[in-house]
Protein backbone atom coordinates (compact mmCIF):
# COMPACT_ATOMS: atom_id res chain seq x y z
CA UNK A 1 70.74 134.52 100.54
CA UNK A 2 72.03 135.12 96.84
CA UNK A 3 75.08 137.53 96.66
CA UNK A 4 74.97 140.59 94.45
CA UNK A 5 77.86 139.51 92.32
CA UNK A 6 80.47 142.32 91.77
CA UNK A 7 80.44 141.36 87.91
CA UNK A 8 78.00 139.31 86.13
CA UNK A 9 79.22 136.16 84.64
CA UNK A 10 79.92 136.08 81.00
CA UNK A 11 78.52 132.81 79.47
CA UNK A 12 80.95 130.41 77.76
CA UNK A 13 78.20 127.59 76.86
CA UNK A 14 75.48 125.59 77.54
CA UNK A 15 75.03 121.99 77.96
CA UNK A 16 71.44 120.93 78.12
CA UNK A 17 70.03 117.03 77.82
CA UNK A 18 66.40 116.28 78.22
CA UNK A 19 67.05 112.41 77.53
CA UNK A 20 64.90 112.75 74.57
CA UNK A 21 67.49 110.68 72.91
CA UNK A 22 67.80 108.32 75.94
CA UNK A 23 71.31 107.93 77.79
CA UNK A 24 73.61 108.92 75.08
CA UNK A 25 76.89 106.78 75.41
CA UNK A 26 78.94 109.74 74.15
CA UNK A 27 77.25 112.29 76.65
CA UNK A 28 76.87 109.88 80.02
CA UNK A 29 77.90 106.73 81.82
CA UNK A 30 75.86 104.80 83.82
CA UNK A 31 77.39 103.51 86.62
CA UNK A 32 78.31 100.32 86.96
CA UNK A 33 80.86 99.73 89.80
CA UNK A 34 81.54 99.30 93.70
CA UNK A 35 83.38 102.00 95.52
CA UNK A 36 85.87 100.51 98.08
CA UNK A 37 84.95 103.80 100.25
CA UNK A 38 81.54 102.82 100.44
CA UNK A 39 80.10 99.87 102.64
CA UNK A 40 77.25 98.73 100.13
CA UNK A 41 76.61 96.59 96.77
CA UNK A 42 77.37 99.49 94.61
CA UNK A 43 75.87 100.46 91.64
CA UNK A 44 74.49 98.68 88.79
CA UNK A 45 73.68 99.25 85.29
CA UNK A 46 70.19 97.59 85.70
CA UNK A 47 69.35 100.36 88.24
CA UNK A 48 69.28 102.68 85.32
CA UNK A 49 66.34 102.78 83.29
CA UNK A 50 65.06 105.58 80.72
CA UNK A 51 61.89 106.04 78.59
CA UNK A 52 61.53 108.33 75.50
CA UNK A 53 57.97 107.09 75.06
CA UNK A 54 56.22 110.34 74.67
CA UNK A 55 52.83 109.06 76.21
CA UNK A 56 54.97 107.84 79.52
CA UNK A 57 56.97 110.93 79.52
CA UNK A 58 53.66 113.42 79.32
CA UNK A 59 52.07 111.29 81.92
CA UNK A 60 54.77 111.69 84.41
CA UNK A 61 54.58 115.54 83.56
CA UNK A 62 58.38 114.97 81.90
CA UNK A 63 59.78 116.51 78.80
CA UNK A 64 61.67 114.96 76.30
CA UNK A 65 62.93 111.70 77.76
CA UNK A 66 63.02 110.22 81.49
CA UNK A 67 66.03 108.41 83.46
CA UNK A 68 64.74 106.47 86.44
CA UNK A 69 67.37 105.53 89.14
CA UNK A 70 66.39 102.71 91.15
CA UNK A 71 67.46 102.19 94.82
CA UNK A 72 67.08 98.87 96.75
CA UNK A 73 66.75 98.94 100.28
CA UNK A 74 67.39 96.14 103.15
CA UNK A 75 64.28 94.45 101.91
CA UNK A 76 65.63 93.98 98.23
CA UNK A 77 66.99 90.51 97.46
CA UNK A 78 70.42 89.39 98.80
CA UNK A 79 73.18 90.73 96.76
CA UNK A 80 70.94 93.85 95.63
CA UNK A 81 70.61 95.52 99.30
CA UNK A 82 71.85 98.75 99.59
CA UNK A 83 72.86 99.27 95.65
CA UNK A 84 71.88 102.14 93.77
CA UNK A 85 72.43 104.00 90.29
CA UNK A 86 73.27 106.87 88.77
CA UNK A 87 74.91 108.56 85.84
CA UNK A 88 77.91 110.99 85.17
CA UNK A 89 78.90 113.14 82.45
CA UNK A 90 81.86 111.95 80.07
CA UNK A 91 83.23 115.45 79.79
CA UNK A 92 84.38 118.13 82.64
CA UNK A 93 82.82 121.61 83.23
CA UNK A 94 83.89 124.82 85.31
CA UNK A 95 82.22 127.33 86.84
CA UNK A 96 78.57 127.88 85.97
CA UNK A 97 75.09 127.03 86.83
CA UNK A 98 74.05 123.56 87.51
CA UNK A 99 70.51 122.45 87.60
CA UNK A 100 68.44 119.34 87.71
CA UNK A 101 64.73 118.71 87.45
CA UNK A 102 64.17 115.86 89.12
CA UNK A 103 61.83 113.54 91.69
CA UNK A 104 63.90 112.04 94.61
CA UNK A 105 63.83 108.35 95.49
CA UNK A 106 61.12 109.36 98.46
CA UNK A 107 62.59 106.80 101.07
CA UNK A 108 64.98 107.60 104.01
CA UNK A 109 68.08 105.29 104.14
CA UNK A 110 69.14 106.34 100.48
CA UNK A 111 71.17 109.43 99.30
CA UNK A 112 69.43 111.16 96.05
CA UNK A 113 72.33 113.55 95.11
CA UNK A 114 73.59 116.03 92.39
CA UNK A 115 77.49 116.78 92.37
CA UNK A 116 80.45 117.82 90.58
CA UNK A 117 83.66 115.51 91.28
CA UNK A 118 87.69 115.65 90.14
CA UNK A 119 90.09 113.93 91.92
CA UNK A 120 93.73 113.29 90.76
CA UNK A 121 94.14 110.52 93.77
CA UNK A 122 97.46 112.03 94.93
CA UNK A 123 98.57 110.43 98.42
CA UNK A 124 99.26 113.37 100.12
CA UNK A 125 96.45 115.76 101.07
CA UNK A 126 98.78 118.57 100.05
CA UNK A 127 99.43 117.17 96.74
CA UNK A 128 96.18 116.01 95.67
CA UNK A 129 94.07 118.08 92.91
CA UNK A 130 90.31 117.81 94.08
CA UNK A 131 86.83 119.32 93.50
CA UNK A 132 83.61 118.69 94.51
CA UNK A 133 80.23 120.22 95.11
CA UNK A 134 77.35 118.32 96.65
CA UNK A 135 73.70 118.68 96.73
CA UNK A 136 72.13 115.56 98.77
CA UNK A 137 69.24 114.44 100.67
CA UNK A 138 67.27 113.55 103.25
CA UNK A 139 69.50 115.07 105.96
CA UNK A 140 69.20 113.25 109.35
CA UNK A 141 66.59 110.71 107.59
CA UNK A 142 64.00 113.81 107.41
CA UNK A 143 63.04 115.12 103.80
CA UNK A 144 62.39 118.41 105.18
CA UNK A 145 66.31 119.24 104.90
CA UNK A 146 68.94 118.73 102.54
CA UNK A 147 72.58 119.63 102.53
CA UNK A 148 74.80 121.69 100.42
CA UNK A 149 78.81 121.03 100.37
CA UNK A 150 81.73 122.32 98.97
CA UNK A 151 85.30 120.77 98.74
CA UNK A 152 88.16 122.43 97.57
CA UNK A 153 90.21 119.35 98.77
CA UNK A 154 89.54 115.87 100.38
CA UNK A 155 91.80 112.93 101.39
CA UNK A 156 89.96 111.54 104.24
CA UNK A 157 87.64 112.79 107.17
CA UNK A 158 90.89 114.00 109.01
CA UNK A 159 92.46 115.68 106.15
CA UNK A 160 90.00 118.13 104.01
CA UNK A 161 89.34 121.60 103.50
CA UNK A 162 85.36 121.50 103.12
CA UNK A 163 82.15 123.47 104.53
CA UNK A 164 78.60 121.97 104.69
CA UNK A 165 75.44 123.67 105.75
CA UNK A 166 71.76 122.14 105.78
CA UNK A 167 68.89 123.78 104.55
CA UNK A 168 65.15 123.51 105.85
CA UNK A 169 62.37 123.29 103.31
CA UNK A 170 59.03 121.90 102.58
CA UNK A 171 59.22 118.21 102.23
CA UNK A 172 61.28 117.06 99.39
CA UNK A 173 59.72 113.72 98.67
CA UNK A 174 56.24 115.21 97.94
CA UNK A 175 55.85 113.13 94.70
CA UNK A 176 56.62 116.46 92.90
CA UNK A 177 59.13 117.50 90.38
CA UNK A 178 62.00 120.13 91.90
CA UNK A 179 64.35 121.94 90.34
CA UNK A 180 67.78 121.68 92.61
CA UNK A 181 70.48 123.88 91.42
CA UNK A 182 73.82 125.57 92.45
CA UNK A 183 75.78 128.24 90.72
CA UNK A 184 79.82 128.20 91.21
CA UNK A 185 81.81 131.17 90.94
CA UNK A 186 85.62 131.23 90.69
CA UNK A 187 86.24 134.97 89.80
CA UNK A 188 87.97 135.54 92.74
CA UNK A 189 89.69 138.76 91.38
CA UNK A 190 86.69 140.71 91.33
CA UNK A 191 85.82 139.11 94.47
CA UNK A 192 83.17 136.51 93.03
CA UNK A 193 83.93 133.55 94.55
CA UNK A 194 81.19 131.24 96.16
CA UNK A 195 78.53 128.50 95.67
CA UNK A 196 74.92 129.66 95.81
CA UNK A 197 72.16 127.01 96.05
CA UNK A 198 68.68 127.20 94.72
CA UNK A 199 65.53 125.39 95.28
CA UNK A 200 63.04 125.89 92.57
CA UNK A 201 64.72 128.85 91.75
CA UNK A 202 64.72 130.28 94.92
CA UNK A 203 68.52 131.06 96.43
CA UNK A 204 68.52 128.92 99.76
CA UNK A 205 71.93 129.08 100.71
CA UNK A 206 75.50 130.57 99.98
CA UNK A 207 78.92 129.44 100.88
CA UNK A 208 82.35 131.20 100.48
CA UNK A 209 84.40 128.90 101.92
CA UNK A 210 86.34 125.79 100.51
CA UNK A 211 85.38 126.84 96.86
CA UNK A 212 86.92 124.30 94.47
CA UNK A 213 88.85 125.70 91.58
CA UNK A 214 88.90 122.49 89.09
CA UNK A 215 86.84 121.52 86.38
CA UNK A 216 84.56 118.48 87.20
CA UNK A 217 82.62 116.02 85.62
CA UNK A 218 78.81 116.13 86.88
CA UNK A 219 76.67 113.07 88.53
CA UNK A 220 73.21 112.26 89.46
CA UNK A 221 72.79 109.29 91.60
CA UNK A 222 71.09 107.68 94.30
CA UNK A 223 73.50 105.86 96.73
CA UNK A 224 74.04 104.44 100.11
CA UNK A 225 76.21 105.28 102.78
CA UNK A 226 76.70 103.45 105.81
CA UNK A 227 75.27 106.36 108.08
CA UNK A 228 72.07 105.91 109.59
CA UNK A 229 72.24 109.36 111.60
CA UNK A 230 72.86 110.79 108.35
CA UNK A 231 70.26 109.10 105.89
CA UNK A 232 67.58 107.20 108.02
CA UNK A 233 67.70 103.13 107.56
CA UNK A 234 67.13 102.04 104.50
CA UNK A 235 63.96 99.97 105.53
CA UNK A 236 62.52 99.53 102.17
CA UNK A 237 62.27 97.25 99.48
CA UNK A 238 62.70 99.60 96.14
CA UNK A 239 62.49 103.20 95.26
CA UNK A 240 62.61 105.39 92.22
CA UNK A 241 64.55 108.78 91.50
CA UNK A 242 63.26 110.46 88.20
CA UNK A 243 65.37 112.65 86.37
CA UNK A 244 63.38 114.78 83.68
CA UNK A 245 66.77 117.01 82.35
CA UNK A 246 69.98 118.60 83.07
CA UNK A 247 71.21 122.08 82.17
CA UNK A 248 74.92 123.40 82.84
CA UNK A 249 75.58 127.09 82.06
CA UNK A 250 79.25 127.25 82.08
CA UNK A 251 80.96 130.72 82.78
CA UNK A 252 84.01 132.34 81.56
CA UNK A 253 85.24 132.53 85.43
CA UNK A 254 88.76 131.21 85.62
CA UNK A 255 89.40 127.68 86.39
CA UNK A 256 92.07 124.99 86.36
CA UNK A 257 91.62 121.89 84.18
CA UNK A 258 90.76 118.64 85.88
CA UNK A 259 90.83 115.30 84.04
CA UNK A 260 87.96 112.58 83.53
CA UNK A 261 88.24 109.15 85.09
CA UNK A 262 89.47 106.15 83.13
CA UNK A 263 85.95 104.76 83.42
CA UNK A 264 84.63 107.61 81.33
CA UNK A 265 85.43 105.21 78.45
CA UNK A 266 83.22 102.35 79.41
CA UNK A 267 80.09 102.34 77.39
CA UNK A 268 77.23 101.49 80.03
CA UNK A 269 74.01 103.41 78.94
CA UNK A 270 71.26 101.96 80.85
CA UNK A 271 68.25 99.66 79.91
CA UNK A 272 65.50 101.19 77.74
CA UNK A 273 62.07 100.77 79.30
CA UNK A 274 60.78 100.77 75.43
CA UNK A 275 57.01 100.34 75.24
CA UNK A 276 56.89 99.26 79.26
CA UNK A 277 55.25 101.86 81.77
CA UNK A 278 57.59 103.89 84.32
CA UNK A 279 58.00 101.77 87.17
CA UNK A 280 56.19 103.39 89.94
CA UNK A 281 57.33 103.91 93.99
CA UNK A 282 55.44 101.25 96.01
CA UNK A 283 55.97 102.00 99.51
CA UNK A 284 55.37 98.84 101.21
CA UNK A 285 57.96 96.17 101.36
CA UNK A 286 56.74 93.02 100.23
CA UNK A 287 53.37 94.08 99.08
CA UNK A 288 52.40 90.42 97.38
CA UNK A 289 53.43 88.41 100.59
CA UNK A 290 56.26 86.48 98.17
CA UNK A 291 58.68 86.13 100.79
CA UNK A 292 59.34 85.63 104.40
CA UNK A 293 58.97 88.97 106.58
CA UNK A 294 61.89 88.43 108.82
CA UNK A 295 65.25 88.58 106.96
CA UNK A 296 69.05 89.91 107.70
CA UNK A 297 69.65 93.19 106.31
CA UNK A 298 73.25 94.16 104.60
CA UNK A 299 74.73 94.35 107.77
CA UNK A 300 73.29 91.00 109.10
CA UNK A 301 70.78 92.63 111.69
CA UNK A 302 67.43 90.65 111.74
CA UNK A 303 64.69 93.26 110.40
CA UNK A 304 60.92 92.79 109.47
CA UNK A 305 58.69 93.76 106.75
CA UNK A 306 55.42 92.64 108.11
CA UNK A 307 54.78 92.70 112.19
CA UNK A 308 52.42 90.20 112.58
CA UNK A 309 49.94 89.18 115.37
CA UNK A 310 47.34 86.40 114.98
CA UNK A 311 48.33 86.18 111.47
CA UNK A 312 51.29 84.72 109.14
CA UNK A 313 52.45 84.75 105.63
CA UNK A 314 52.39 81.72 103.41
CA UNK A 315 52.01 80.36 100.03
CA UNK A 316 52.08 84.06 99.05
CA UNK A 317 49.16 84.84 101.28
CA UNK A 318 48.74 87.18 104.33
CA UNK A 319 46.23 84.81 106.62
CA UNK A 320 44.58 86.46 109.31
CA UNK A 321 43.03 84.71 112.30
CA UNK A 322 39.86 85.94 113.95
CA UNK A 323 41.29 89.48 115.81
CA UNK A 324 44.70 89.13 114.13
CA UNK A 325 46.69 91.83 112.30
CA UNK A 326 49.63 92.82 110.28
CA UNK A 327 51.47 96.26 110.05
CA UNK A 328 54.48 98.13 108.39
CA UNK A 329 55.83 101.23 109.50
CA UNK A 330 56.84 103.96 106.63
CA UNK A 331 59.31 106.38 107.63
CA UNK A 332 59.58 110.12 106.73
CA UNK A 333 56.12 110.70 105.47
CA UNK A 334 54.43 114.13 106.46
CA UNK A 335 51.44 115.60 107.33
CA UNK A 336 49.40 116.87 103.84
CA UNK A 337 50.51 113.72 102.11
CA UNK A 338 47.69 111.73 100.22
CA UNK A 339 48.15 108.32 99.59
CA UNK A 340 46.25 105.69 97.59
CA UNK A 341 45.61 102.58 99.73
CA UNK A 342 44.72 99.37 98.02
CA UNK A 343 44.14 95.75 98.75
CA UNK A 344 43.29 92.35 97.01
CA UNK A 345 41.51 89.91 99.73
CA UNK A 346 40.81 85.99 98.98
CA UNK A 347 38.11 85.73 101.46
CA UNK A 348 36.86 86.79 104.82
CA UNK A 349 36.80 90.37 106.53
CA UNK A 350 39.59 92.78 106.65
CA UNK A 351 40.29 96.52 107.11
CA UNK A 352 42.62 98.59 106.63
CA UNK A 353 43.95 101.68 108.30
CA UNK A 354 46.98 104.15 108.84
CA UNK A 355 48.42 105.34 112.11
CA UNK A 356 50.60 108.22 112.39
CA UNK A 357 53.47 108.92 114.49
CA UNK A 358 56.22 111.70 115.12
CA UNK A 359 59.78 111.32 116.52
CA UNK A 360 63.28 110.92 115.32
CA UNK A 361 63.67 107.78 113.04
CA UNK A 362 67.44 107.89 112.22
CA UNK A 363 68.42 105.21 114.35
CA UNK A 364 68.24 101.26 113.89
CA UNK A 365 65.40 101.09 116.72
CA UNK A 366 63.24 104.38 116.65
CA UNK A 367 61.33 105.15 120.03
CA UNK A 368 58.15 106.54 118.25
CA UNK A 369 55.30 108.86 119.58
CA UNK A 370 51.74 107.61 118.51
CA UNK A 371 49.49 110.48 117.34
CA UNK A 372 46.28 108.72 116.06
CA UNK A 373 44.83 106.40 112.91
CA UNK A 374 43.42 107.90 110.06
CA UNK A 375 39.69 108.78 109.67
CA UNK A 376 39.59 106.98 106.67
CA UNK A 377 39.10 103.05 106.54
CA UNK A 378 39.35 100.69 103.75
CA UNK A 379 36.92 97.28 104.18
CA UNK A 380 36.91 94.24 102.25
CA UNK A 381 34.39 91.67 102.35
CA UNK A 382 35.06 88.28 100.67
CA UNK A 383 36.90 88.44 97.47
CA UNK A 384 37.58 91.93 95.92
CA UNK A 385 39.99 94.45 95.11
CA UNK A 386 39.54 98.03 96.43
CA UNK A 387 41.56 101.30 96.80
CA UNK A 388 40.70 104.07 98.61
CA UNK A 389 42.54 107.46 99.29
CA UNK A 390 44.18 108.72 102.29
CA UNK A 391 44.92 111.97 103.28
CA UNK A 392 47.40 112.61 106.46
CA UNK A 393 46.26 115.78 108.06
CA UNK A 394 48.28 118.60 108.54
CA UNK A 395 50.09 118.62 111.67
CA UNK A 396 53.05 116.74 113.30
CA UNK A 397 53.03 113.57 111.49
CA UNK A 398 56.51 112.40 110.16
CA UNK A 399 55.58 108.67 109.96
CA UNK A 400 52.90 106.29 109.08
CA UNK A 401 52.29 102.65 109.87
CA UNK A 402 50.16 100.55 107.54
CA UNK A 403 47.82 98.41 109.43
CA UNK A 404 45.38 95.19 108.44
CA UNK A 405 43.34 93.97 110.97
CA UNK A 406 40.27 91.28 110.71
CA UNK A 407 37.69 90.77 113.40
CA UNK A 408 37.20 86.98 112.11
CA UNK A 409 39.62 86.15 109.89
CA UNK A 410 40.77 86.86 106.20
CA UNK A 411 43.17 85.81 103.35
CA UNK A 412 44.83 88.64 101.67
CA UNK A 413 46.83 88.15 98.42
CA UNK A 414 48.29 91.60 98.11
CA UNK A 415 48.44 95.24 99.63
CA UNK A 416 49.60 98.36 98.28
CA UNK A 417 50.45 102.32 99.16
CA UNK A 418 51.40 104.73 97.05
CA UNK A 419 52.11 108.47 97.11
CA UNK A 420 49.18 110.33 95.06
CA UNK A 421 50.07 113.94 95.77
CA UNK A 422 50.81 116.61 98.50
CA UNK A 423 47.52 118.20 98.83
């Protein structure tokens, strides 16, 4: 997959940041803006968090510090729905090897991405100076695919010079650190022009068309696009991307000079977590039953977090009648994943199981195929807190559903679903 370069690149310099000093304002800008080209609530500085606490970093398997980028889906509060976050360098880089170590925001409907970008905003495509290389995921709402894209020029969907391909891979939302990278060469005279993408050090894609030729800034973000067929539907509350480090090994390949955006002068450096723990990904929306289950999404369509039968949510409690149930679907989770299922009950008897499904979910109303229920069951009696590990068997599972049910009636104060590992 990786080409045999005719001439090995000469290294111009190496940029490396492990965020051991947080998000440095002279190096990075946290995104705090809305883009006219995107139908969403933009990016907020408050969605860009970081910690330099040694214990928290070590516990998470990081090095130095960790940047946490929050992504708010359609079950987030109004005004924050489809709002992401990210960081961008304040300087430009040319051809080279770009690497990021991160855990993706694990829910479908948002885009976990790393990319280069320069645009002089000329009004005509022929006059525009442009440069962009992308790593974007999931593809088709499926975390077993990501895309690599090159842009030599872009004005709009009808006026561009680009090339994109999709890479098949093991599930990337497995809760593990992965190193995503691309190597950008611009040495056309020696025949070394193209972009190679790597996943955990292994070359997985090579494109030699639409290779950009201008220096560009480098971005890492979780963002929303109005494209369910591409990313899936953001039927979640909050998800987090974790960024451990960024390394850019810049080459001496010939490159034209771009220029930084006017926004690079802005001083947004994110929010320090200080002594607070790293936030964890909770896979259930409204896990504490504090909001009505029915609401409008960002586009005004009615959505439901908890689907109830013989049950209702009232006073921050899930109240189940005899024979009642409540369920919530979580898409794009796969065979081999292990989850911690937890619950806090106030009274009565209840049990929790997971149901497994397969089928395409990157549409507003997925029609999925039921595969069966989990072998594990979490049982509650009276007032208690309990948790158990549920392991999705290897096989066809692509989505799951969290189901609470009661034979004689019960009251629950909270439920939880957190990814433990990929076994």
